[in-house]
Structure formats: C-alpha cells, structure tokens
Amino acid sequence: MTTTASDLNYAELARQIAARMSPEALLSAEDVGAMLGYPARYIRETIALAPGFPIAIRLKLDTDGKRSNPRWRRTDIEKWVTTHRSQRPTRAGRPRQQTLM
C-alpha cells in the first residue's frame, strides 16, 4: 500500500482542525485572525492591545528565557466576542423613510 502526499496532507489538516476546535485549544494570532476576519498582524498590534481582550499566554520555550508567540484560549476569545457584540452601541440617527405603495 502506497501513501500519496495528498493523503498525508489531508490527515495532517484534519488533525490540526480537531486540535483547534477543542474549547481549551491555544490559538495563534493567525487562528484568532481567521475567526474574526482580520490579518494576524492586526490581531497582534491592535486587537490584542484593546482593553478587555484576553491576556495572551506565552509559554517558556527554553532555559535561555525565550518565550513562544502569544496564544489565546478558544473559550476566552469566544467569550470576548460575545461580550464585545453585546456592548456595541446601537446605531443612532434618523429612521429610514418608509415608502408606501
């Protein structure tokens, strides 16, 4: 039985999707950006610095003190999105004119 490169890619893709769908998954800026529809750079430089955004988790990688890129728990991001949407003010202004037929 031979295994093709495309079979390996699909299996790896399925593993990565399953890992990211876990409620306690640690998401990268790229993952959070995909969830929110923003580039990873905008997540790191703007969204992550916004008041109330979940604090990033940075894991220590080695004895030199180097740390990993920021990660966020999926549940924390989902909770932030829910509260952020509910706090959004309603649009003000004059109501649209209704046309009668």
PDB file of N, CA and C in Angstrom:
ATOM      1  N   MET A   1       0.854  -1.185   0.000  1.00  0.00           N
ATOM      2  CA  MET A   1       0.000   0.000   0.000  1.00  0.00           C
ATOM      3  C   MET A   1       0.889   1.235   0.000  1.00  0.00           C
ATOM      4  N   THR A   2       0.655   2.113  -0.946  1.00  0.00           N
ATOM      5  CA  THR A   2       1.434   3.340  -1.021  1.00  0.00           C
ATOM      6  C   THR A   2       0.600   4.504  -0.521  1.00  0.00           C
ATOM      7  N   THR A   3       1.294   5.434   0.104  1.00  0.00           N
ATOM      8  CA  THR A   3       0.625   6.626   0.616  1.00  0.00           C
ATOM      9  C   THR A   3       1.067   7.818  -0.216  1.00  0.00           C
ATOM     10  N   THR A   4       0.118   8.574  -0.725  1.00  0.00           N
ATOM     11  CA  THR A   4       0.457   9.739  -1.538  1.00  0.00           C
ATOM     12  C   THR A   4       0.611  10.962  -0.645  1.00  0.00           C
ATOM     13  N   ALA A   5       1.233  11.979  -1.189  1.00  0.00           N
ATOM     14  CA  ALA A   5       1.448  13.219  -0.436  1.00  0.00           C
ATOM     15  C   ALA A   5       0.114  13.870  -0.074  1.00  0.00           C
ATOM     16  N   SER A   6      -0.859  13.778  -0.958  1.00  0.00           N
ATOM     17  CA  SER A   6      -2.151  14.411  -0.664  1.00  0.00           C
ATOM     18  C   SER A   6      -2.854  13.720   0.502  1.00  0.00           C
ATOM     19  N   ASP A   7      -2.694  12.400   0.638  1.00  0.00           N
ATOM     20  CA  ASP A   7      -3.289  11.687   1.772  1.00  0.00           C
ATOM     21  C   ASP A   7      -2.684  12.172   3.087  1.00  0.00           C
ATOM     22  N   LEU A   8      -1.381  12.361   3.113  1.00  0.00           N
ATOM     23  CA  LEU A   8      -0.725  12.855   4.321  1.00  0.00           C
ATOM     24  C   LEU A   8      -1.170  14.270   4.646  1.00  0.00           C
ATOM     25  N   ASN A   9      -1.333  15.101   3.646  1.00  0.00           N
ATOM     26  CA  ASN A   9      -1.765  16.478   3.888  1.00  0.00           C
ATOM     27  C   ASN A   9      -3.178  16.525   4.462  1.00  0.00           C
ATOM     28  N   TYR A  10      -4.064  15.686   3.957  1.00  0.00           N
ATOM     29  CA  TYR A  10      -5.433  15.674   4.477  1.00  0.00           C
ATOM     30  C   TYR A  10      -5.468  15.181   5.915  1.00  0.00           C
ATOM     31  N   ALA A  11      -4.676  14.186   6.212  1.00  0.00           N
ATOM     32  CA  ALA A  11      -4.641  13.672   7.578  1.00  0.00           C
ATOM     33  C   ALA A  11      -4.093  14.720   8.538  1.00  0.00           C
ATOM     34  N   GLU A  12      -3.056  15.412   8.140  1.00  0.00           N
ATOM     35  CA  GLU A  12      -2.479  16.468   8.986  1.00  0.00           C
ATOM     36  C   GLU A  12      -3.461  17.625   9.140  1.00  0.00           C
ATOM     37  N   LEU A  13      -4.116  17.984   8.075  1.00  0.00           N
ATOM     38  CA  LEU A  13      -5.114  19.047   8.139  1.00  0.00           C
ATOM     39  C   LEU A  13      -6.250  18.681   9.087  1.00  0.00           C
ATOM     40  N   ALA A  14      -6.729  17.459   9.011  1.00  0.00           N
ATOM     41  CA  ALA A  14      -7.795  17.001   9.903  1.00  0.00           C
ATOM     42  C   ALA A  14      -7.347  17.037  11.359  1.00  0.00           C
ATOM     43  N   ARG A  15      -6.098  16.640  11.623  1.00  0.00           N
ATOM     44  CA  ARG A  15      -5.562  16.675  12.989  1.00  0.00           C
ATOM     45  C   ARG A  15      -5.488  18.114  13.510  1.00  0.00           C
ATOM     46  N   GLN A  16      -5.038  19.028  12.665  1.00  0.00           N
ATOM     47  CA  GLN A  16      -4.924  20.420  13.085  1.00  0.00           C
ATOM     48  C   GLN A  16      -6.297  21.049  13.343  1.00  0.00           C
ATOM     49  N   ILE A  17      -7.258  20.744  12.515  1.00  0.00           N
ATOM     50  CA  ILE A  17      -8.613  21.266  12.707  1.00  0.00           C
ATOM     51  C   ILE A  17      -9.196  20.751  14.020  1.00  0.00           C
ATOM     52  N   ALA A  18      -9.053  19.464  14.268  1.00  0.00           N
ATOM     53  CA  ALA A  18      -9.574  18.880  15.505  1.00  0.00           C
ATOM     54  C   ALA A  18      -8.906  19.499  16.727  1.00  0.00           C
ATOM     55  N   ALA A  19      -7.618  19.733  16.652  1.00  0.00           N
ATOM     56  CA  ALA A  19      -6.896  20.325  17.784  1.00  0.00           C
ATOM     57  C   ALA A  19      -7.365  21.747  18.053  1.00  0.00           C
ATOM     58  N   ARG A  20      -7.661  22.499  17.015  1.00  0.00           N
ATOM     59  CA  ARG A  20      -8.081  23.896  17.186  1.00  0.00           C
ATOM     60  C   ARG A  20      -9.539  24.026  17.612  1.00  0.00           C
ATOM     61  N   MET A  21     -10.331  22.996  17.395  1.00  0.00           N
ATOM     62  CA  MET A  21     -11.745  23.059  17.750  1.00  0.00           C
ATOM     63  C   MET A  21     -11.997  22.743  19.216  1.00  0.00           C
ATOM     64  N   SER A  22     -11.019  22.230  19.908  1.00  0.00           N
ATOM     65  CA  SER A  22     -11.162  21.944  21.328  1.00  0.00           C
ATOM     66  C   SER A  22     -11.414  23.247  22.079  1.00  0.00           C
ATOM     67  N   PRO A  23     -12.319  23.266  23.062  1.00  0.00           N
ATOM     68  CA  PRO A  23     -12.590  24.505  23.809  1.00  0.00           C
ATOM     69  C   PRO A  23     -11.357  25.075  24.500  1.00  0.00           C
ATOM     70  N   GLU A  24     -10.436  24.233  24.910  1.00  0.00           N
ATOM     71  CA  GLU A  24      -9.242  24.709  25.599  1.00  0.00           C
ATOM     72  C   GLU A  24      -8.035  24.830  24.679  1.00  0.00           C
ATOM     73  N   ALA A  25      -8.271  24.805  23.376  1.00  0.00           N
ATOM     74  CA  ALA A  25      -7.178  24.925  22.417  1.00  0.00           C
ATOM     75  C   ALA A  25      -6.498  26.277  22.559  1.00  0.00           C
ATOM     76  N   LEU A  26      -5.194  26.293  22.389  1.00  0.00           N
ATOM     77  CA  LEU A  26      -4.437  27.544  22.379  1.00  0.00           C
ATOM     78  C   LEU A  26      -4.303  27.986  20.929  1.00  0.00           C
ATOM     79  N   LEU A  27      -4.841  29.159  20.632  1.00  0.00           N
ATOM     80  CA  LEU A  27      -4.875  29.658  19.269  1.00  0.00           C
ATOM     81  C   LEU A  27      -3.786  30.698  19.042  1.00  0.00           C
ATOM     82  N   SER A  28      -3.192  30.675  17.863  1.00  0.00           N
ATOM     83  CA  SER A  28      -2.199  31.673  17.485  1.00  0.00           C
ATOM     84  C   SER A  28      -2.911  32.928  16.975  1.00  0.00           C
ATOM     85  N   ALA A  29      -2.136  33.958  16.704  1.00  0.00           N
ATOM     86  CA  ALA A  29      -2.714  35.184  16.138  1.00  0.00           C
ATOM     87  C   ALA A  29      -3.345  34.887  14.777  1.00  0.00           C
ATOM     88  N   GLU A  30      -2.750  33.967  14.032  1.00  0.00           N
ATOM     89  CA  GLU A  30      -3.311  33.582  12.736  1.00  0.00           C
ATOM     90  C   GLU A  30      -4.673  32.920  12.909  1.00  0.00           C
ATOM     91  N   ASP A  31      -4.791  32.052  13.922  1.00  0.00           N
ATOM     92  CA  ASP A  31      -6.063  31.370  14.191  1.00  0.00           C
ATOM     93  C   ASP A  31      -7.136  32.368  14.632  1.00  0.00           C
ATOM     94  N   VAL A  32      -6.761  33.272  15.535  1.00  0.00           N
ATOM     95  CA  VAL A  32      -7.715  34.284  16.016  1.00  0.00           C
ATOM     96  C   VAL A  32      -8.124  35.188  14.861  1.00  0.00           C
ATOM     97  N   GLY A  33      -7.162  35.545  14.028  1.00  0.00           N
ATOM     98  CA  GLY A  33      -7.468  36.367  12.858  1.00  0.00           C
ATOM     99  C   GLY A  33      -8.450  35.685  11.928  1.00  0.00           C
ATOM    100  N   ALA A  34      -8.282  34.393  11.734  1.00  0.00           N
ATOM    101  CA  ALA A  34      -9.210  33.649  10.880  1.00  0.00           C
ATOM    102  C   ALA A  34     -10.612  33.634  11.488  1.00  0.00           C
ATOM    103  N   MET A  35     -10.696  33.524  12.821  1.00  0.00           N
ATOM    104  CA  MET A  35     -12.002  33.529  13.492  1.00  0.00           C
ATOM    105  C   MET A  35     -12.695  34.874  13.339  1.00  0.00           C
ATOM    106  N   LEU A  36     -11.919  35.972  13.457  1.00  0.00           N
ATOM    107  CA  LEU A  36     -12.501  37.303  13.480  1.00  0.00           C
ATOM    108  C   LEU A  36     -12.494  37.996  12.125  1.00  0.00           C
ATOM    109  N   GLY A  37     -11.800  37.422  11.166  1.00  0.00           N
ATOM    110  CA  GLY A  37     -11.759  38.022   9.832  1.00  0.00           C
ATOM    111  C   GLY A  37     -10.750  39.150   9.697  1.00  0.00           C
ATOM    112  N   TYR A  38      -9.655  39.076  10.442  1.00  0.00           N
ATOM    113  CA  TYR A  38      -8.599  40.087  10.382  1.00  0.00           C
ATOM    114  C   TYR A  38      -7.263  39.411  10.118  1.00  0.00           C
ATOM    115  N   PRO A  39      -6.296  40.168   9.576  1.00  0.00           N
ATOM    116  CA  PRO A  39      -4.949  39.606   9.435  1.00  0.00           C
ATOM    117  C   PRO A  39      -4.298  39.393  10.805  1.00  0.00           C
ATOM    118  N   ALA A  40      -3.384  38.441  10.885  1.00  0.00           N
ATOM    119  CA  ALA A  40      -2.703  38.137  12.147  1.00  0.00           C
ATOM    120  C   ALA A  40      -1.973  39.362  12.695  1.00  0.00           C
ATOM    121  N   ARG A  41      -1.390  40.144  11.828  1.00  0.00           N
ATOM    122  CA  ARG A  41      -0.668  41.350  12.271  1.00  0.00           C
ATOM    123  C   ARG A  41      -1.612  42.323  12.987  1.00  0.00           C
ATOM    124  N   TYR A  42      -2.813  42.507  12.451  1.00  0.00           N
ATOM    125  CA  TYR A  42      -3.789  43.397  13.077  1.00  0.00           C
ATOM    126  C   TYR A  42      -4.213  42.850  14.448  1.00  0.00           C
ATOM    127  N   ILE A  43      -4.320  41.552  14.570  1.00  0.00           N
ATOM    128  CA  ILE A  43      -4.654  40.938  15.862  1.00  0.00           C
ATOM    129  C   ILE A  43      -3.562  41.257  16.871  1.00  0.00           C
ATOM    130  N   ARG A  44      -2.300  41.024  16.505  1.00  0.00           N
ATOM    131  CA  ARG A  44      -1.179  41.252  17.425  1.00  0.00           C
ATOM    132  C   ARG A  44      -1.006  42.718  17.790  1.00  0.00           C
ATOM    133  N   GLU A  45      -1.138  43.614  16.812  1.00  0.00           N
ATOM    134  CA  GLU A  45      -0.798  45.016  17.018  1.00  0.00           C
ATOM    135  C   GLU A  45      -1.970  45.883  17.484  1.00  0.00           C
ATOM    136  N   THR A  46      -3.185  45.451  17.269  1.00  0.00           N
ATOM    137  CA  THR A  46      -4.333  46.297  17.617  1.00  0.00           C
ATOM    138  C   THR A  46      -5.316  45.585  18.545  1.00  0.00           C
ATOM    139  N   ILE A  47      -5.902  44.505  18.084  1.00  0.00           N
ATOM    140  CA  ILE A  47      -6.949  43.816  18.848  1.00  0.00           C
ATOM    141  C   ILE A  47      -6.414  43.307  20.182  1.00  0.00           C
ATOM    142  N   ALA A  48      -5.247  42.687  20.182  1.00  0.00           N
ATOM    143  CA  ALA A  48      -4.692  42.102  21.414  1.00  0.00           C
ATOM    144  C   ALA A  48      -4.367  43.166  22.456  1.00  0.00           C
ATOM    145  N   LEU A  49      -4.201  44.415  22.027  1.00  0.00           N
ATOM    146  CA  LEU A  49      -3.890  45.505  22.955  1.00  0.00           C
ATOM    147  C   LEU A  49      -5.136  46.242  23.439  1.00  0.00           C
ATOM    148  N   ALA A  50      -6.292  45.877  22.913  1.00  0.00           N
ATOM    149  CA  ALA A  50      -7.541  46.537  23.289  1.00  0.00           C
ATOM    150  C   ALA A  50      -7.914  46.191  24.729  1.00  0.00           C
ATOM    151  N   PRO A  51      -8.487  47.162  25.456  1.00  0.00           N
ATOM    152  CA  PRO A  51      -8.919  46.872  26.832  1.00  0.00           C
ATOM    153  C   PRO A  51      -9.960  45.755  26.837  1.00  0.00           C
ATOM    154  N   GLY A  52      -9.786  44.807  27.746  1.00  0.00           N
ATOM    155  CA  GLY A  52     -10.734  43.720  27.885  1.00  0.00           C
ATOM    156  C   GLY A  52     -10.419  42.498  27.042  1.00  0.00           C
ATOM    157  N   PHE A  53      -9.489  42.624  26.088  1.00  0.00           N
ATOM    158  CA  PHE A  53      -9.128  41.453  25.288  1.00  0.00           C
ATOM    159  C   PHE A  53      -8.363  40.480  26.173  1.00  0.00           C
ATOM    160  N   PRO A  54      -8.592  39.185  26.030  1.00  0.00           N
ATOM    161  CA  PRO A  54      -7.918  38.212  26.897  1.00  0.00           C
ATOM    162  C   PRO A  54      -6.395  38.360  26.866  1.00  0.00           C
ATOM    163  N   ILE A  55      -5.786  38.147  28.007  1.00  0.00           N
ATOM    164  CA  ILE A  55      -4.337  38.232  28.112  1.00  0.00           C
ATOM    165  C   ILE A  55      -3.719  37.024  27.414  1.00  0.00           C
ATOM    166  N   ALA A  56      -2.686  37.288  26.654  1.00  0.00           N
ATOM    167  CA  ALA A  56      -2.023  36.219  25.903  1.00  0.00           C
ATOM    168  C   ALA A  56      -1.260  35.291  26.831  1.00  0.00           C
ATOM    169  N   ILE A  57      -1.213  34.045  26.437  1.00  0.00           N
ATOM    170  CA  ILE A  57      -0.422  33.038  27.144  1.00  0.00           C
ATOM    171  C   ILE A  57       0.876  32.888  26.366  1.00  0.00           C
ATOM    172  N   ARG A  58       1.982  33.009  27.073  1.00  0.00           N
ATOM    173  CA  ARG A  58       3.292  32.835  26.437  1.00  0.00           C
ATOM    174  C   ARG A  58       4.030  31.738  27.188  1.00  0.00           C
ATOM    175  N   LEU A  59       4.295  30.664  26.504  1.00  0.00           N
ATOM    176  CA  LEU A  59       4.972  29.528  27.106  1.00  0.00           C
ATOM    177  C   LEU A  59       6.479  29.714  27.011  1.00  0.00           C
ATOM    178  N   LYS A  60       7.180  29.315  28.054  1.00  0.00           N
ATOM    179  CA  LYS A  60       8.631  29.386  28.045  1.00  0.00           C
ATOM    180  C   LYS A  60       9.161  28.236  27.190  1.00  0.00           C
ATOM    181  N   LEU A  61      10.022  28.555  26.235  1.00  0.00           N
ATOM    182  CA  LEU A  61      10.499  27.537  25.308  1.00  0.00           C
ATOM    183  C   LEU A  61      11.795  26.862  25.733  1.00  0.00           C
ATOM    184  N   ASP A  62      12.697  27.609  26.361  1.00  0.00           N
ATOM    185  CA  ASP A  62      13.974  27.008  26.719  1.00  0.00           C
ATOM    186  C   ASP A  62      14.559  27.680  27.956  1.00  0.00           C
ATOM    187  N   THR A  63      15.727  27.239  28.355  1.00  0.00           N
ATOM    188  CA  THR A  63      16.371  27.769  29.561  1.00  0.00           C
ATOM    189  C   THR A  63      16.949  29.161  29.345  1.00  0.00           C
ATOM    190  N   ASP A  64      17.056  29.607  28.096  1.00  0.00           N
ATOM    191  CA  ASP A  64      17.563  30.951  27.811  1.00  0.00           C
ATOM    192  C   ASP A  64      16.523  32.023  28.099  1.00  0.00           C
ATOM    193  N   GLY A  65      15.318  31.623  28.409  1.00  0.00           N
ATOM    194  CA  GLY A  65      14.268  32.577  28.725  1.00  0.00           C
ATOM    195  C   GLY A  65      13.459  33.024  27.525  1.00  0.00           C
ATOM    196  N   LYS A  66      13.742  32.465  26.357  1.00  0.00           N
ATOM    197  CA  LYS A  66      12.955  32.816  25.175  1.00  0.00           C
ATOM    198  C   LYS A  66      11.538  32.289  25.350  1.00  0.00           C
ATOM    199  N   ARG A  67      10.586  33.080  24.868  1.00  0.00           N
ATOM    200  CA  ARG A  67       9.186  32.688  25.012  1.00  0.00           C
ATOM    201  C   ARG A  67       8.552  32.509  23.643  1.00  0.00           C
ATOM    202  N   SER A  68       7.480  31.769  23.622  1.00  0.00           N
ATOM    203  CA  SER A  68       6.781  31.497  22.366  1.00  0.00           C
ATOM    204  C   SER A  68       5.952  32.711  21.954  1.00  0.00           C
ATOM    205  N   ASN A  69       5.415  32.630  20.758  1.00  0.00           N
ATOM    206  CA  ASN A  69       4.493  33.658  20.287  1.00  0.00           C
ATOM    207  C   ASN A  69       3.225  33.609  21.148  1.00  0.00           C
ATOM    208  N   PRO A  70       2.470  34.708  21.188  1.00  0.00           N
ATOM    209  CA  PRO A  70       1.270  34.723  22.025  1.00  0.00           C
ATOM    210  C   PRO A  70       0.230  33.711  21.562  1.00  0.00           C
ATOM    211  N   ARG A  71      -0.454  33.134  22.530  1.00  0.00           N
ATOM    212  CA  ARG A  71      -1.545  32.193  22.280  1.00  0.00           C
ATOM    213  C   ARG A  71      -2.720  32.589  23.167  1.00  0.00           C
ATOM    214  N   TRP A  72      -3.921  32.293  22.708  1.00  0.00           N
ATOM    215  CA  TRP A  72      -5.122  32.589  23.482  1.00  0.00           C
ATOM    216  C   TRP A  72      -5.995  31.349  23.516  1.00  0.00           C
ATOM    217  N   ARG A  73      -6.709  31.138  24.616  1.00  0.00           N
ATOM    218  CA  ARG A  73      -7.654  30.023  24.708  1.00  0.00           C
ATOM    219  C   ARG A  73      -8.871  30.322  23.853  1.00  0.00           C
ATOM    220  N   ARG A  74      -9.326  29.294  23.149  1.00  0.00           N
ATOM    221  CA  ARG A  74     -10.505  29.457  22.285  1.00  0.00           C
ATOM    222  C   ARG A  74     -11.707  29.970  23.082  1.00  0.00           C
ATOM    223  N   THR A  75     -11.934  29.419  24.276  1.00  0.00           N
ATOM    224  CA  THR A  75     -13.094  29.832  25.073  1.00  0.00           C
ATOM    225  C   THR A  75     -12.994  31.299  25.477  1.00  0.00           C
ATOM    226  N   ASP A  76     -11.777  31.780  25.779  1.00  0.00           N
ATOM    227  CA  ASP A  76     -11.608  33.188  26.148  1.00  0.00           C
ATOM    228  C   ASP A  76     -11.925  34.108  24.974  1.00  0.00           C
ATOM    229  N   ILE A  77     -11.484  33.728  23.787  1.00  0.00           N
ATOM    230  CA  ILE A  77     -11.758  34.542  22.592  1.00  0.00           C
ATOM    231  C   ILE A  77     -13.252  34.554  22.290  1.00  0.00           C
ATOM    232  N   GLU A  78     -13.900  33.393  22.368  1.00  0.00           N
ATOM    233  CA  GLU A  78     -15.335  33.323  22.098  1.00  0.00           C
ATOM    234  C   GLU A  78     -16.127  34.142  23.109  1.00  0.00           C
ATOM    235  N   LYS A  79     -15.721  34.099  24.373  1.00  0.00           N
ATOM    236  CA  LYS A  79     -16.389  34.883  25.400  1.00  0.00           C
ATOM    237  C   LYS A  79     -16.204  36.380  25.130  1.00  0.00           C
ATOM    238  N   TRP A  80     -15.001  36.790  24.730  1.00  0.00           N
ATOM    239  CA  TRP A  80     -14.718  38.191  24.430  1.00  0.00           C
ATOM    240  C   TRP A  80     -15.580  38.666  23.256  1.00  0.00           C
ATOM    241  N   VAL A  81     -15.699  37.834  22.228  1.00  0.00           N
ATOM    242  CA  VAL A  81     -16.518  38.201  21.071  1.00  0.00           C
ATOM    243  C   VAL A  81     -17.969  38.393  21.495  1.00  0.00           C
ATOM    244  N   THR A  82     -18.481  37.489  22.330  1.00  0.00           N
ATOM    245  CA  THR A  82     -19.868  37.578  22.784  1.00  0.00           C
ATOM    246  C   THR A  82     -20.110  38.858  23.579  1.00  0.00           C
ATOM    247  N   THR A  83     -19.233  39.164  24.528  1.00  0.00           N
ATOM    248  CA  THR A  83     -19.414  40.384  25.327  1.00  0.00           C
ATOM    249  C   THR A  83     -19.169  41.627  24.496  1.00  0.00           C
ATOM    250  N   HIS A  84     -18.255  41.561  23.556  1.00  0.00           N
ATOM    251  CA  HIS A  84     -17.962  42.720  22.706  1.00  0.00           C
ATOM    252  C   HIS A  84     -19.162  43.056  21.831  1.00  0.00           C
ATOM    253  N   ARG A  85     -19.815  42.030  21.318  1.00  0.00           N
ATOM    254  CA  ARG A  85     -21.007  42.268  20.498  1.00  0.00           C
ATOM    255  C   ARG A  85     -22.152  42.848  21.327  1.00  0.00           C
ATOM    256  N   SER A  86     -22.332  42.345  22.549  1.00  0.00           N
ATOM    257  CA  SER A  86     -23.448  42.819  23.356  1.00  0.00           C
ATOM    258  C   SER A  86     -23.227  44.241  23.859  1.00  0.00           C
ATOM    259  N   GLN A  87     -21.976  44.701  23.915  1.00  0.00           N
ATOM    260  CA  GLN A  87     -21.687  46.055  24.382  1.00  0.00           C
ATOM    261  C   GLN A  87     -21.678  47.070  23.257  1.00  0.00           C
ATOM    262  N   ARG A  88     -21.804  46.604  22.047  1.00  0.00           N
ATOM    263  CA  ARG A  88     -21.768  47.501  20.891  1.00  0.00           C
ATOM    264  C   ARG A  88     -23.004  48.392  20.901  1.00  0.00           C
ATOM    265  N   PRO A  89     -22.803  49.706  20.789  1.00  0.00           N
ATOM    266  CA  PRO A  89     -23.960  50.599  20.812  1.00  0.00           C
ATOM    267  C   PRO A  89     -24.801  50.444  19.548  1.00  0.00           C
ATOM    268  N   THR A  90     -26.081  50.730  19.697  1.00  0.00           N
ATOM    269  CA  THR A  90     -26.955  50.690  18.535  1.00  0.00           C
ATOM    270  C   THR A  90     -26.713  51.933  17.704  1.00  0.00           C
ATOM    271  N   ARG A  91     -26.998  51.828  16.460  1.00  0.00           N
ATOM    272  CA  ARG A  91     -26.782  52.968  15.574  1.00  0.00           C
ATOM    273  C   ARG A  91     -27.797  54.056  15.873  1.00  0.00           C
ATOM    274  N   ALA A  92     -27.311  55.252  15.914  1.00  0.00           N
ATOM    275  CA  ALA A  92     -28.189  56.404  16.152  1.00  0.00           C
ATOM    276  C   ALA A  92     -28.508  57.062  14.812  1.00  0.00           C
ATOM    277  N   GLY A  93     -29.444  57.942  14.854  1.00  0.00           N
ATOM    278  CA  GLY A  93     -29.771  58.678  13.638  1.00  0.00           C
ATOM    279  C   GLY A  93     -31.242  58.581  13.319  1.00  0.00           C
ATOM    280  N   ARG A  94     -31.586  59.237  12.269  1.00  0.00           N
ATOM    281  CA  ARG A  94     -32.959  59.296  11.842  1.00  0.00           C
ATOM    282  C   ARG A  94     -33.355  57.968  11.220  1.00  0.00           C
ATOM    283  N   PRO A  95     -34.555  57.462  11.529  1.00  0.00           N
ATOM    284  CA  PRO A  95     -35.000  56.209  10.923  1.00  0.00           C
ATOM    285  C   PRO A  95     -35.186  56.365   9.415  1.00  0.00           C
ATOM    286  N   ARG A  96     -35.051  55.284   8.702  1.00  0.00           N
ATOM    287  CA  ARG A  96     -35.244  55.338   7.263  1.00  0.00           C
ATOM    288  C   ARG A  96     -36.688  55.663   6.921  1.00  0.00           C
ATOM    289  N   GLN A  97     -36.813  56.385   5.827  1.00  0.00           N
ATOM    290  CA  GLN A  97     -38.147  56.757   5.385  1.00  0.00           C
ATOM    291  C   GLN A  97     -38.837  55.564   4.764  1.00  0.00           C
ATOM    292  N   GLN A  98     -40.062  55.307   5.209  1.00  0.00           N
ATOM    293  CA  GLN A  98     -40.837  54.183   4.687  1.00  0.00           C
ATOM    294  C   GLN A  98     -41.590  54.632   3.444  1.00  0.00           C
ATOM    295  N   THR A  99     -41.509  53.846   2.387  1.00  0.00           N
ATOM    296  CA  THR A  99     -42.263  54.176   1.178  1.00  0.00           C
ATOM    297  C   THR A  99     -43.552  53.368   1.168  1.00  0.00           C
ATOM    298  N   LEU A 100     -44.618  54.026   0.868  1.00  0.00           N
ATOM    299  CA  LEU A 100     -45.927  53.368   0.791  1.00  0.00           C
ATOM    300  C   LEU A 100     -46.234  53.062  -0.656  1.00  0.00           C
ATOM    301  N   MET A 101     -46.747  51.887  -0.893  1.00  0.00           N
ATOM    302  CA  MET A 101     -47.110  51.509  -2.264  1.00  0.00           C
ATOM    303  C   MET A 101     -48.573  51.483  -2.428  1.00  0.00           C
TER     304      MET A 101
END
